[in-house]
Protein backbone atom coordinates (compact mmCIF):
# COMPACT_ATOMS: atom_id res chain seq x y z
CA MET A 1 -8.00 13.07 -24.69
CA ALA A 2 -8.10 15.28 -21.59
CA ARG A 3 -4.96 15.75 -19.57
CA THR A 4 -4.88 14.64 -15.96
CA ALA A 5 -5.19 17.52 -13.53
CA ASN A 6 -2.08 18.10 -11.42
CA TYR A 7 -1.79 19.80 -8.04
CA VAL A 8 1.03 20.79 -5.75
CA LEU A 9 0.86 20.81 -1.98
CA TYR A 10 3.43 22.22 0.42
CA HIS A 11 3.85 20.44 3.74
CA ASN A 12 4.86 23.33 5.99
CA PRO A 13 6.77 22.02 9.02
CA ALA A 14 6.12 25.21 11.00
CA SER A 15 2.32 24.97 10.78
CA MET A 16 2.18 21.16 10.88
CA GLY A 17 4.62 20.78 13.78
CA ILE A 18 6.57 18.06 11.97
CA GLY A 19 8.69 17.70 8.84
CA PHE A 20 7.68 15.61 5.84
CA ARG A 21 9.96 12.62 6.46
CA GLY A 22 8.79 9.33 7.95
CA GLU A 23 5.15 9.04 8.91
CA VAL A 24 4.01 12.04 6.89
CA ALA A 25 5.60 10.84 3.64
CA GLU A 26 4.36 7.29 4.13
CA SER A 27 0.78 8.16 5.10
CA GLY A 28 -0.69 9.06 1.70
CA MET A 29 -2.61 11.78 3.51
CA ILE A 30 -2.57 15.54 3.23
CA ALA A 31 -4.52 18.21 5.09
CA THR A 32 -5.76 21.51 3.72
CA ASN A 33 -8.31 24.24 4.21
CA LYS A 34 -8.82 24.56 0.46
CA GLU A 35 -12.10 22.63 0.31
CA ALA A 36 -13.02 23.49 -3.27
CA VAL A 37 -9.56 22.64 -4.62
CA ALA A 38 -9.41 19.40 -2.59
CA GLU A 39 -12.85 18.32 -3.84
CA ARG A 40 -11.87 19.12 -7.43
CA ALA A 41 -8.62 17.12 -7.09
CA ALA A 42 -10.52 14.11 -5.73
CA THR A 43 -13.36 14.36 -8.26
CA GLU A 44 -11.07 14.82 -11.27
CA GLY A 45 -8.77 12.00 -10.28
CA GLY A 46 -5.94 14.49 -10.02
CA ILE A 47 -2.32 13.86 -9.17
CA ILE A 48 -1.05 15.63 -6.06
CA TRP A 49 2.68 16.32 -5.96
CA CYS A 50 3.83 16.85 -2.36
CA ILE A 51 6.69 19.18 -1.48
CA GLY A 52 8.08 19.76 1.99
CA ARG A 53 10.99 20.70 4.17
CA PRO A 54 12.49 18.44 6.85
CA ASP A 55 12.09 21.16 9.50
CA SER A 56 11.13 24.83 9.70
CA LYS A 57 14.78 26.00 9.71
CA SER A 58 15.76 24.18 6.54
CA LYS A 59 16.21 26.20 3.36
CA ARG A 60 15.97 23.05 1.21
CA TYR A 61 12.70 21.88 -0.40
CA PHE A 62 11.99 18.30 -1.42
CA LEU A 63 9.56 16.57 -3.72
CA TYR A 64 8.62 13.64 -1.52
CA GLN A 65 5.37 12.08 -2.64
CA ARG A 66 2.92 11.67 -5.52
CA ILE A 67 -0.63 10.80 -4.46
CA VAL A 68 -3.46 9.56 -6.70
CA ASP A 69 -6.97 8.10 -6.21
CA THR A 70 -7.76 10.55 -3.43
CA ARG A 71 -10.86 10.72 -1.28
CA CYS A 72 -11.90 13.68 0.90
CA SER A 73 -12.88 13.53 4.53
CA TYR A 74 -14.01 16.58 6.45
CA GLY A 75 -12.90 17.82 9.84
CA ARG A 76 -14.92 19.07 12.73
CA SER A 77 -15.11 22.79 13.47
CA ASP A 78 -12.37 22.45 16.10
CA ASP A 79 -9.97 20.63 13.74
CA GLU A 80 -7.03 22.65 12.46
CA PHE A 81 -7.67 21.71 8.81
CA ARG A 82 -11.09 21.37 7.22
CA VAL A 83 -10.25 18.70 4.65
CA THR A 84 -8.07 15.62 4.61
CA LEU A 85 -7.26 13.97 1.31
CA THR A 86 -6.20 10.35 1.52
CA GLY A 87 -4.92 8.48 -1.49
CA LYS A 88 -2.51 5.98 -2.95
CA ARG A 89 1.20 6.77 -2.61
CA THR A 90 3.01 6.19 -5.87
CA PHE A 91 6.66 7.07 -5.18
CA ARG A 92 8.83 4.32 -3.72
CA ASP A 93 9.27 4.24 0.05
CA GLY A 94 11.87 6.72 1.28
CA TYR A 95 11.87 8.74 -1.95
CA GLU A 96 12.84 12.40 -1.76
CA LYS A 97 14.36 14.75 -4.31
CA ASP A 98 15.90 18.09 -3.36
CA ILE A 99 14.35 20.50 -5.86
CA THR A 100 15.71 23.74 -4.37
CA ASP A 101 18.29 24.26 -7.11
CA GLU A 102 16.19 23.04 -10.03
CA PRO A 103 15.53 25.63 -12.76
CA TYR A 104 11.75 25.36 -12.25
CA PHE A 105 11.92 25.90 -8.47
CA PRO A 106 11.20 29.67 -8.49
CA LYS A 107 7.87 28.92 -10.19
CA ILE A 108 7.02 26.25 -7.60
CA LYS A 109 8.07 28.40 -4.65
CA LYS A 110 5.49 31.03 -5.64
CA LEU A 111 2.75 28.40 -5.31
CA LEU A 112 3.85 26.96 -1.97
CA SER A 113 2.44 29.69 0.24
CA LEU A 114 -0.97 29.29 -1.39
CA GLY A 115 -1.69 25.79 -0.05
CA LEU A 116 -3.09 23.12 -2.35
CA GLN A 117 -2.91 24.56 -5.88
CA SER A 118 -3.35 23.36 -9.41
CA VAL A 119 -0.19 23.34 -11.49
CA SER A 120 -0.05 23.19 -15.28
CA ASP A 121 3.44 24.43 -16.12
CA ARG A 122 4.91 21.85 -18.52
CA ASP A 123 8.51 22.38 -17.34
CA ILE A 124 7.52 21.52 -13.78
CA LEU A 125 5.26 18.62 -14.70
CA ASP A 126 7.75 17.12 -17.15
CA ALA A 127 10.47 17.21 -14.47
CA PHE A 128 8.12 15.68 -11.87
CA GLU A 129 6.96 12.95 -14.25
CA GLN A 130 10.58 12.13 -15.12
CA GLU A 131 11.30 11.73 -11.40
CA PHE A 132 8.26 9.52 -11.03
CA ALA A 133 9.27 7.34 -13.99
CA GLY A 134 12.51 6.40 -12.23
CA ASN A 135 11.13 6.19 -8.68
CA ALA A 136 7.68 4.64 -8.83
CA ARG A 137 6.50 2.13 -6.25
CA THR A 138 6.75 -1.44 -7.46
């Protein structure tokens, strides 16, 4: 049996102009310029784990959403991001977990500057799945 593909996306408050809380976390939508990765995530039925900061001055990073069943839509040439992925939110409303001090965080932080990225590290995925198990939408 094939494993589900997993991805991590960093919501950067400096480039997005807003932190992850509220509307962003509840939208089930992410924006990226990584067309090939976004299309692969949507086609494979991948899980997208969303990480963000509440504002650009914060040093704390939070796991705030898990999105599945994504579909791609494409921006116009004047749009800031080329691809929008919209999917089903699977964490409960208001969920956020500060992951800054977690032992796996240094591995995640390396990926954050790269935009939407696949992640296969079992330590990270096991920790994320454990969080999901206790905080899934009902």
